[in-house]
Amino acid sequence: MDPIVTVLLIVGFTVVMFIWEKVPIDVTSLIVMALLILSGSVTMKEGISGFSNEAVITILFLYLLGAGLEKTGAVNVIGRYMLRFAGRGKRRGLLAIMVVSGLLSGLLNNTAVVMIFIPVVFRIARFSKESPSKLLMPLSFASIAGGTLTLIGTSTNILVSGISEDAGYGRFGMFEFTMIGGFLFVSFLLYMFFFGVRLIPRRRSTDSLADSYDLKDFITEVVITPDSPLVGKRLYNSSLTTDLELDIIEIKDRKGITWLP
């Protein structure tokens, strides 16, 4: 069979598997790699070269760093300050999400930033009575724009730097993207804050989403008694978050006043 036809068939198979979604993407990728090697489209060395590629390893460690920030509670601390800044103001919440996620995307991988900040976005949406759709899309766009600030901000920057080095032109510096990326990021913030957010449809509220996805089955109320060992401890150092890994949505005192975590 013509090698071109073989490759096109494998590409078609890959697209179908990605759309079908019955098999995990990583498993599909390994199957495709095996098919390319077995068909002779690439050599064994070329087929497994990605596992030793510096760009791939860098991206992997950035994901691990993002997971570490989430597990250690650093994201909860950042989210708490974002909630305090946003309060119940919709515009302040939008600004906090875009600025923080964008800047962090320059230091972490932007995909990881989106993943770890989704719970924070839903919490801000809940307190500001805003539709999550009005905040999730700006989160995504801000992370993309923020990813252009540094070399490690987005996977494509890392890959392009590796290709440039392989071609003999040298790799890009950590902040070589910052001048252009900074202009793009600031331009995005201004556009989205004043104009873009108006174009995003306001979909269902967080309460209706909770009903649709049966999230209320995973939401519970914890009563802290006066003799509880949790009394006097900081919330994010307590066993509720460190051992049980619970996400605290709101706090109500004995007077019925609701506080942001």
C-alpha atoms as a PDB file:
ATOM      1  CA  MET A   1       0.000   0.000   0.000  1.00  0.00           C
ATOM      2  CA  ASP A   2       1.159   3.518  -0.794  1.00  0.00           C
ATOM      3  CA  PRO A   3       2.767   5.066   2.343  1.00  0.00           C
ATOM      4  CA  ILE A   4       0.728   8.245   1.850  1.00  0.00           C
ATOM      5  CA  VAL A   5      -2.514   6.258   1.824  1.00  0.00           C
ATOM      6  CA  THR A   6      -1.403   4.380   4.947  1.00  0.00           C
ATOM      7  CA  VAL A   7      -0.699   7.599   6.831  1.00  0.00           C
ATOM      8  CA  LEU A   8      -4.024   9.120   5.730  1.00  0.00           C
ATOM      9  CA  LEU A   9      -5.879   6.029   6.947  1.00  0.00           C
ATOM     10  CA  ILE A  10      -4.123   6.240  10.313  1.00  0.00           C
ATOM     11  CA  VAL A  11      -4.962   9.953  10.554  1.00  0.00           C
ATOM     12  CA  GLY A  12      -8.600   9.174   9.756  1.00  0.00           C
ATOM     13  CA  PHE A  13      -8.628   6.450  12.406  1.00  0.00           C
ATOM     14  CA  THR A  14      -7.167   8.901  14.919  1.00  0.00           C
ATOM     15  CA  VAL A  15      -9.819  11.543  14.222  1.00  0.00           C
ATOM     16  CA  VAL A  16     -12.619   8.986  14.557  1.00  0.00           C
ATOM     17  CA  MET A  17     -11.238   7.707  17.869  1.00  0.00           C
ATOM     18  CA  PHE A  18     -10.901  11.232  19.250  1.00  0.00           C
ATOM     19  CA  ILE A  19     -14.496  12.047  18.278  1.00  0.00           C
ATOM     20  CA  TRP A  20     -15.823   8.716  19.560  1.00  0.00           C
ATOM     21  CA  GLU A  21     -14.243   9.304  22.983  1.00  0.00           C
ATOM     22  CA  LYS A  22     -14.832   5.721  24.115  1.00  0.00           C
ATOM     23  CA  VAL A  23     -11.086   5.155  24.386  1.00  0.00           C
ATOM     24  CA  PRO A  24      -8.955   7.607  26.431  1.00  0.00           C
ATOM     25  CA  ILE A  25      -6.940  10.041  24.307  1.00  0.00           C
ATOM     26  CA  ASP A  26      -3.622   8.860  25.740  1.00  0.00           C
ATOM     27  CA  VAL A  27      -4.432   5.244  24.862  1.00  0.00           C
ATOM     28  CA  THR A  28      -5.444   6.282  21.346  1.00  0.00           C
ATOM     29  CA  SER A  29      -2.155   8.157  20.967  1.00  0.00           C
ATOM     30  CA  LEU A  30      -0.156   5.064  21.928  1.00  0.00           C
ATOM     31  CA  ILE A  31      -2.162   2.955  19.467  1.00  0.00           C
ATOM     32  CA  VAL A  32      -1.462   5.456  16.685  1.00  0.00           C
ATOM     33  CA  MET A  33       2.242   5.467  17.540  1.00  0.00           C
ATOM     34  CA  ALA A  34       2.299   1.666  17.323  1.00  0.00           C
ATOM     35  CA  LEU A  35       0.439   1.687  13.993  1.00  0.00           C
ATOM     36  CA  LEU A  36       2.881   4.187  12.493  1.00  0.00           C
ATOM     37  CA  ILE A  37       5.849   2.080  13.588  1.00  0.00           C
ATOM     38  CA  LEU A  38       4.360  -1.250  12.473  1.00  0.00           C
ATOM     39  CA  SER A  39       3.336   0.158   9.091  1.00  0.00           C
ATOM     40  CA  GLY A  40       6.866   1.426   8.491  1.00  0.00           C
ATOM     41  CA  SER A  41       5.714   5.033   8.214  1.00  0.00           C
ATOM     42  CA  VAL A  42       8.267   5.976  10.879  1.00  0.00           C
ATOM     43  CA  THR A  43      11.216   4.155  12.370  1.00  0.00           C
ATOM     44  CA  MET A  44      11.239   2.830  15.914  1.00  0.00           C
ATOM     45  CA  LYS A  45      13.601   5.623  16.948  1.00  0.00           C
ATOM     46  CA  GLU A  46      11.353   8.288  15.428  1.00  0.00           C
ATOM     47  CA  GLY A  47       8.241   6.737  16.936  1.00  0.00           C
ATOM     48  CA  ILE A  48       9.443   6.830  20.535  1.00  0.00           C
ATOM     49  CA  SER A  49      11.524  10.002  20.243  1.00  0.00           C
ATOM     50  CA  GLY A  50       8.726  12.016  21.843  1.00  0.00           C
ATOM     51  CA  PHE A  51       9.271  10.315  25.200  1.00  0.00           C
ATOM     52  CA  SER A  52      12.777  11.757  25.388  1.00  0.00           C
ATOM     53  CA  ASN A  53      11.917  15.127  23.870  1.00  0.00           C
ATOM     54  CA  GLU A  54      12.888  17.986  26.169  1.00  0.00           C
ATOM     55  CA  ALA A  55       9.720  19.922  25.340  1.00  0.00           C
ATOM     56  CA  VAL A  56       7.462  17.001  26.256  1.00  0.00           C
ATOM     57  CA  ILE A  57       9.291  16.428  29.546  1.00  0.00           C
ATOM     58  CA  THR A  58       9.070  20.143  30.380  1.00  0.00           C
ATOM     59  CA  ILE A  59       5.317  20.151  29.765  1.00  0.00           C
ATOM     60  CA  LEU A  60       4.939  17.063  31.958  1.00  0.00           C
ATOM     61  CA  PHE A  61       6.750  18.712  34.870  1.00  0.00           C
ATOM     62  CA  LEU A  62       4.644  21.857  34.504  1.00  0.00           C
ATOM     63  CA  TYR A  63       1.522  19.732  34.924  1.00  0.00           C
ATOM     64  CA  LEU A  64       3.072  18.135  38.009  1.00  0.00           C
ATOM     65  CA  LEU A  65       3.881  21.576  39.400  1.00  0.00           C
ATOM     66  CA  GLY A  66       0.278  22.658  38.885  1.00  0.00           C
ATOM     67  CA  ALA A  67      -0.982  19.524  40.638  1.00  0.00           C
ATOM     68  CA  GLY A  68       1.406  20.219  43.510  1.00  0.00           C
ATOM     69  CA  LEU A  69       0.038  23.731  43.961  1.00  0.00           C
ATOM     70  CA  GLU A  70      -3.477  22.335  44.093  1.00  0.00           C
ATOM     71  CA  LYS A  71      -2.675  19.545  46.559  1.00  0.00           C
ATOM     72  CA  THR A  72      -0.726  21.778  48.951  1.00  0.00           C
ATOM     73  CA  GLY A  73      -3.616  24.228  49.194  1.00  0.00           C
ATOM     74  CA  ALA A  74      -1.810  27.105  47.478  1.00  0.00           C
ATOM     75  CA  VAL A  75      -4.655  27.403  44.984  1.00  0.00           C
ATOM     76  CA  ASN A  76      -7.143  27.623  47.864  1.00  0.00           C
ATOM     77  CA  VAL A  77      -5.205  30.528  49.345  1.00  0.00           C
ATOM     78  CA  ILE A  78      -5.132  32.343  46.002  1.00  0.00           C
ATOM     79  CA  GLY A  79      -8.809  31.585  45.465  1.00  0.00           C
ATOM     80  CA  ARG A  80      -9.673  32.938  48.906  1.00  0.00           C
ATOM     81  CA  TYR A  81      -8.054  36.292  48.134  1.00  0.00           C
ATOM     82  CA  MET A  82      -9.780  36.354  44.751  1.00  0.00           C
ATOM     83  CA  LEU A  83     -13.129  35.793  46.464  1.00  0.00           C
ATOM     84  CA  ARG A  84     -12.470  38.561  48.961  1.00  0.00           C
ATOM     85  CA  PHE A  85     -11.545  40.958  46.183  1.00  0.00           C
ATOM     86  CA  ALA A  86     -14.517  39.993  44.033  1.00  0.00           C
ATOM     87  CA  GLY A  87     -17.117  39.874  46.807  1.00  0.00           C
ATOM     88  CA  ARG A  88     -20.507  39.942  45.135  1.00  0.00           C
ATOM     89  CA  GLY A  89     -19.407  42.250  42.331  1.00  0.00           C
ATOM     90  CA  LYS A  90     -19.682  40.604  38.926  1.00  0.00           C
ATOM     91  CA  ARG A  91     -17.169  42.899  37.221  1.00  0.00           C
ATOM     92  CA  ARG A  92     -14.641  42.567  40.035  1.00  0.00           C
ATOM     93  CA  GLY A  93     -14.953  38.791  39.857  1.00  0.00           C
ATOM     94  CA  LEU A  94     -14.371  38.856  36.105  1.00  0.00           C
ATOM     95  CA  LEU A  95     -11.289  41.056  36.520  1.00  0.00           C
ATOM     96  CA  ALA A  96      -9.841  38.891  39.294  1.00  0.00           C
ATOM     97  CA  ILE A  97     -10.265  35.705  37.265  1.00  0.00           C
ATOM     98  CA  MET A  98      -8.680  37.118  34.116  1.00  0.00           C
ATOM     99  CA  VAL A  99      -5.711  38.825  35.771  1.00  0.00           C
ATOM    100  CA  VAL A 100      -4.761  36.010  38.156  1.00  0.00           C
ATOM    101  CA  SER A 101      -5.247  33.151  35.678  1.00  0.00           C
ATOM    102  CA  GLY A 102      -3.452  35.083  32.945  1.00  0.00           C
ATOM    103  CA  LEU A 103      -0.398  35.906  35.052  1.00  0.00           C
ATOM    104  CA  LEU A 104      -0.153  32.382  36.450  1.00  0.00           C
ATOM    105  CA  SER A 105      -0.392  30.984  32.925  1.00  0.00           C
ATOM    106  CA  GLY A 106       2.913  32.684  32.236  1.00  0.00           C
ATOM    107  CA  LEU A 107       4.548  30.663  35.017  1.00  0.00           C
ATOM    108  CA  LEU A 108       2.642  27.386  34.695  1.00  0.00           C
ATOM    109  CA  ASN A 109       1.159  25.620  31.721  1.00  0.00           C
ATOM    110  CA  ASN A 110      -2.040  27.433  30.736  1.00  0.00           C
ATOM    111  CA  THR A 111      -4.042  24.198  30.477  1.00  0.00           C
ATOM    112  CA  ALA A 112      -3.125  23.287  34.054  1.00  0.00           C
ATOM    113  CA  VAL A 113      -4.129  26.762  35.242  1.00  0.00           C
ATOM    114  CA  VAL A 114      -7.602  26.396  33.736  1.00  0.00           C
ATOM    115  CA  MET A 115      -8.064  22.992  35.348  1.00  0.00           C
ATOM    116  CA  ILE A 116      -7.110  24.087  38.860  1.00  0.00           C
ATOM    117  CA  PHE A 117      -9.068  27.363  38.745  1.00  0.00           C
ATOM    118  CA  ILE A 118     -12.406  25.977  37.553  1.00  0.00           C
ATOM    119  CA  PRO A 119     -13.626  25.365  41.162  1.00  0.00           C
ATOM    120  CA  VAL A 120     -12.622  28.934  42.067  1.00  0.00           C
ATOM    121  CA  VAL A 121     -14.586  30.287  39.106  1.00  0.00           C
ATOM    122  CA  PHE A 122     -17.714  28.389  40.129  1.00  0.00           C
ATOM    123  CA  ARG A 123     -17.359  29.686  43.672  1.00  0.00           C
ATOM    124  CA  ILE A 124     -17.075  33.282  42.466  1.00  0.00           C
ATOM    125  CA  ALA A 125     -20.064  32.730  40.160  1.00  0.00           C
ATOM    126  CA  ARG A 126     -22.092  31.435  43.086  1.00  0.00           C
ATOM    127  CA  PHE A 127     -21.408  34.409  45.350  1.00  0.00           C
ATOM    128  CA  SER A 128     -21.784  37.050  42.645  1.00  0.00           C
ATOM    129  CA  LYS A 129     -25.000  35.448  41.314  1.00  0.00           C
ATOM    130  CA  GLU A 130     -23.408  35.295  37.875  1.00  0.00           C
ATOM    131  CA  SER A 131     -23.779  32.618  35.222  1.00  0.00           C
ATOM    132  CA  PRO A 132     -20.636  30.431  35.130  1.00  0.00           C
ATOM    133  CA  SER A 133     -20.555  30.765  31.335  1.00  0.00           C
ATOM    134  CA  LYS A 134     -19.819  34.483  31.727  1.00  0.00           C
ATOM    135  CA  LEU A 135     -16.667  33.617  33.690  1.00  0.00           C
ATOM    136  CA  LEU A 136     -15.471  30.298  32.269  1.00  0.00           C
ATOM    137  CA  MET A 137     -14.896  31.619  28.759  1.00  0.00           C
ATOM    138  CA  PRO A 138     -12.851  34.614  30.003  1.00  0.00           C
ATOM    139  CA  LEU A 139     -10.855  32.154  32.153  1.00  0.00           C
ATOM    140  CA  SER A 140     -10.009  30.118  29.065  1.00  0.00           C
ATOM    141  CA  PHE A 141      -9.125  33.126  26.924  1.00  0.00           C
ATOM    142  CA  ALA A 142      -7.110  34.784  29.710  1.00  0.00           C
ATOM    143  CA  SER A 143      -5.026  31.641  30.200  1.00  0.00           C
ATOM    144  CA  ILE A 144      -4.340  31.491  26.463  1.00  0.00           C
ATOM    145  CA  ALA A 145      -3.321  35.154  26.346  1.00  0.00           C
ATOM    146  CA  GLY A 146      -1.282  34.823  29.543  1.00  0.00           C
ATOM    147  CA  GLY A 147       0.475  31.782  28.146  1.00  0.00           C
ATOM    148  CA  THR A 148       2.155  34.013  25.573  1.00  0.00           C
ATOM    149  CA  LEU A 149       4.001  35.929  28.308  1.00  0.00           C
ATOM    150  CA  THR A 150       6.838  33.419  28.751  1.00  0.00           C
ATOM    151  CA  LEU A 151       8.487  30.437  27.122  1.00  0.00           C
ATOM    152  CA  ILE A 152       6.831  27.914  29.448  1.00  0.00           C
ATOM    153  CA  GLY A 153       3.397  29.551  29.410  1.00  0.00           C
ATOM    154  CA  THR A 154       2.007  27.349  26.668  1.00  0.00           C
ATOM    155  CA  SER A 155       2.978  24.050  25.092  1.00  0.00           C
ATOM    156  CA  THR A 156       3.328  25.559  21.628  1.00  0.00           C
ATOM    157  CA  ASN A 157       5.999  28.011  22.807  1.00  0.00           C
ATOM    158  CA  ILE A 158       8.049  25.152  24.233  1.00  0.00           C
ATOM    159  CA  LEU A 159       7.651  23.042  21.093  1.00  0.00           C
ATOM    160  CA  VAL A 160       8.573  25.916  18.784  1.00  0.00           C
ATOM    161  CA  SER A 161      11.662  26.630  20.882  1.00  0.00           C
ATOM    162  CA  GLY A 162      12.705  22.982  20.578  1.00  0.00           C
ATOM    163  CA  ILE A 163      12.187  23.004  16.810  1.00  0.00           C
ATOM    164  CA  SER A 164      14.229  26.198  16.517  1.00  0.00           C
ATOM    165  CA  GLU A 165      17.087  24.609  18.450  1.00  0.00           C
ATOM    166  CA  ASP A 166      16.977  21.426  16.349  1.00  0.00           C
ATOM    167  CA  ALA A 167      17.148  23.547  13.200  1.00  0.00           C
ATOM    168  CA  GLY A 168      20.324  25.221  14.449  1.00  0.00           C
ATOM    169  CA  TYR A 169      18.849  28.629  15.291  1.00  0.00           C
ATOM    170  CA  GLY A 170      19.055  28.247  19.059  1.00  0.00           C
ATOM    171  CA  ARG A 171      16.279  28.141  21.626  1.00  0.00           C
ATOM    172  CA  PHE A 172      14.145  31.058  22.752  1.00  0.00           C
ATOM    173  CA  GLY A 173      14.783  32.730  26.088  1.00  0.00           C
ATOM    174  CA  MET A 174      12.366  32.528  29.009  1.00  0.00           C
ATOM    175  CA  PHE A 175      11.123  36.111  28.571  1.00  0.00           C
ATOM    176  CA  GLU A 176      11.732  36.509  24.854  1.00  0.00           C
ATOM    177  CA  PHE A 177       7.964  36.354  24.306  1.00  0.00           C
ATOM    178  CA  THR A 178       7.121  38.885  27.013  1.00  0.00           C
ATOM    179  CA  MET A 179       7.148  42.102  24.967  1.00  0.00           C
ATOM    180  CA  ILE A 180       4.679  40.846  22.381  1.00  0.00           C
ATOM    181  CA  GLY A 181       2.811  38.602  24.814  1.00  0.00           C
ATOM    182  CA  GLY A 182       2.371  41.441  27.306  1.00  0.00           C
ATOM    183  CA  PHE A 183       0.807  43.661  24.655  1.00  0.00           C
ATOM    184  CA  LEU A 184      -1.559  40.866  23.620  1.00  0.00           C
ATOM    185  CA  PHE A 185      -2.496  40.121  27.236  1.00  0.00           C
ATOM    186  CA  VAL A 186      -3.274  43.737  28.158  1.00  0.00           C
ATOM    187  CA  SER A 187      -5.217  44.213  24.917  1.00  0.00           C
ATOM    188  CA  PHE A 188      -7.249  41.113  25.720  1.00  0.00           C
ATOM    189  CA  LEU A 189      -8.029  42.320  29.250  1.00  0.00           C
ATOM    190  CA  LEU A 190      -9.308  45.663  27.997  1.00  0.00           C
ATOM    191  CA  TYR A 191     -11.371  44.139  25.215  1.00  0.00           C
ATOM    192  CA  MET A 192     -12.936  41.377  27.306  1.00  0.00           C
ATOM    193  CA  PHE A 193     -13.665  43.602  30.314  1.00  0.00           C
ATOM    194  CA  PHE A 194     -15.393  46.365  28.338  1.00  0.00           C
ATOM    195  CA  PHE A 195     -16.747  44.637  25.227  1.00  0.00           C
ATOM    196  CA  GLY A 196     -16.149  40.892  24.946  1.00  0.00           C
ATOM    197  CA  VAL A 197     -18.063  39.875  28.068  1.00  0.00           C
ATOM    198  CA  ARG A 198     -21.209  41.423  26.573  1.00  0.00           C
ATOM    199  CA  LEU A 199     -21.062  38.923  23.708  1.00  0.00           C
ATOM    200  CA  ILE A 200     -20.978  35.864  25.976  1.00  0.00           C
ATOM    201  CA  PRO A 201     -24.453  34.370  26.487  1.00  0.00           C
ATOM    202  CA  ARG A 202     -25.725  34.140  30.042  1.00  0.00           C
ATOM    203  CA  ARG A 203     -26.605  30.488  30.473  1.00  0.00           C
ATOM    204  CA  ARG A 204     -28.108  28.678  33.406  1.00  0.00           C
ATOM    205  CA  SER A 205     -27.225  29.628  36.947  1.00  0.00           C
ATOM    206  CA  THR A 206     -25.027  27.567  39.230  1.00  0.00           C
ATOM    207  CA  ASP A 207     -28.099  26.255  41.044  1.00  0.00           C
ATOM    208  CA  SER A 208     -29.684  24.914  37.859  1.00  0.00           C
ATOM    209  CA  LEU A 209     -26.372  23.375  36.868  1.00  0.00           C
ATOM    210  CA  ALA A 210     -26.165  21.668  40.233  1.00  0.00           C
ATOM    211  CA  ASP A 211     -29.618  20.215  39.652  1.00  0.00           C
ATOM    212  CA  SER A 212     -28.808  19.099  36.103  1.00  0.00           C
ATOM    213  CA  TYR A 213     -25.609  17.303  37.048  1.00  0.00           C
ATOM    214  CA  ASP A 214     -26.833  16.067  40.449  1.00  0.00           C
ATOM    215  CA  LEU A 215     -24.124  18.065  42.196  1.00  0.00           C
ATOM    216  CA  LYS A 216     -26.312  18.447  45.253  1.00  0.00           C
ATOM    217  CA  ASP A 217     -25.603  14.811  46.024  1.00  0.00           C
ATOM    218  CA  PHE A 218     -22.002  15.871  46.614  1.00  0.00           C
ATOM    219  CA  ILE A 219     -22.761  18.995  48.655  1.00  0.00           C
ATOM    220  CA  THR A 220     -23.248  18.691  52.388  1.00  0.00           C
ATOM    221  CA  GLU A 221     -23.443  20.916  55.438  1.00  0.00           C
ATOM    222  CA  VAL A 222     -20.967  20.431  58.273  1.00  0.00           C
ATOM    223  CA  VAL A 223     -21.845  21.738  61.737  1.00  0.00           C
ATOM    224  CA  ILE A 224     -18.905  22.679  63.968  1.00  0.00           C
ATOM    225  CA  THR A 225     -19.848  22.178  67.622  1.00  0.00           C
ATOM    226  CA  PRO A 226     -18.303  24.288  70.426  1.00  0.00           C
ATOM    227  CA  ASP A 227     -16.197  21.330  71.637  1.00  0.00           C
ATOM    228  CA  SER A 228     -14.929  20.426  68.158  1.00  0.00           C
ATOM    229  CA  PRO A 229     -11.126  20.182  67.707  1.00  0.00           C
ATOM    230  CA  LEU A 230     -11.592  22.405  64.650  1.00  0.00           C
ATOM    231  CA  VAL A 231     -12.460  25.420  66.812  1.00  0.00           C
ATOM    232  CA  GLY A 232      -9.698  28.021  66.674  1.00  0.00           C
ATOM    233  CA  LYS A 233      -7.964  26.507  63.663  1.00  0.00           C
ATOM    234  CA  ARG A 234      -7.508  28.127  60.287  1.00  0.00           C
ATOM    235  CA  LEU A 235      -9.909  26.693  57.743  1.00  0.00           C
ATOM    236  CA  TYR A 236      -7.317  25.689  55.158  1.00  0.00           C
ATOM    237  CA  ASN A 237      -5.083  24.079  57.784  1.00  0.00           C
ATOM    238  CA  SER A 238      -7.908  21.985  59.217  1.00  0.00           C
ATOM    239  CA  SER A 239      -8.616  18.319  58.569  1.00  0.00           C
ATOM    240  CA  LEU A 240     -11.599  19.305  56.416  1.00  0.00           C
ATOM    241  CA  THR A 241      -9.279  20.415  53.641  1.00  0.00           C
ATOM    242  CA  THR A 242      -6.005  18.621  54.388  1.00  0.00           C
ATOM    243  CA  ASP A 243      -7.354  15.125  55.126  1.00  0.00           C
ATOM    244  CA  LEU A 244     -10.818  15.072  53.559  1.00  0.00           C
ATOM    245  CA  GLU A 245      -9.820  17.403  50.677  1.00  0.00           C
ATOM    246  CA  LEU A 246     -13.174  19.206  50.812  1.00  0.00           C
ATOM    247  CA  ASP A 247     -13.867  22.411  48.902  1.00  0.00           C
ATOM    248  CA  ILE A 248     -15.496  24.908  51.266  1.00  0.00           C
ATOM    249  CA  ILE A 249     -18.178  26.860  49.403  1.00  0.00           C
ATOM    250  CA  GLU A 250     -19.426  29.138  52.163  1.00  0.00           C
ATOM    251  CA  ILE A 251     -19.367  29.619  55.929  1.00  0.00           C
ATOM    252  CA  LYS A 252     -22.401  30.520  58.045  1.00  0.00           C
ATOM    253  CA  ASP A 253     -21.988  31.722  61.614  1.00  0.00           C
ATOM    254  CA  ARG A 254     -24.471  31.233  64.446  1.00  0.00           C
ATOM    255  CA  LYS A 255     -26.231  34.459  63.456  1.00  0.00           C
ATOM    256  CA  GLY A 256     -26.911  33.110  59.983  1.00  0.00           C
ATOM    257  CA  ILE A 257     -24.466  35.470  58.283  1.00  0.00           C
ATOM    258  CA  THR A 258     -22.727  33.965  55.258  1.00  0.00           C
ATOM    259  CA  TRP A 259     -18.989  34.567  54.865  1.00  0.00           C
ATOM    260  CA  LEU A 260     -16.609  33.900  52.017  1.00  0.00           C
ATOM    261  CA  PRO A 261     -14.044  31.152  52.800  1.00  0.00           C
END
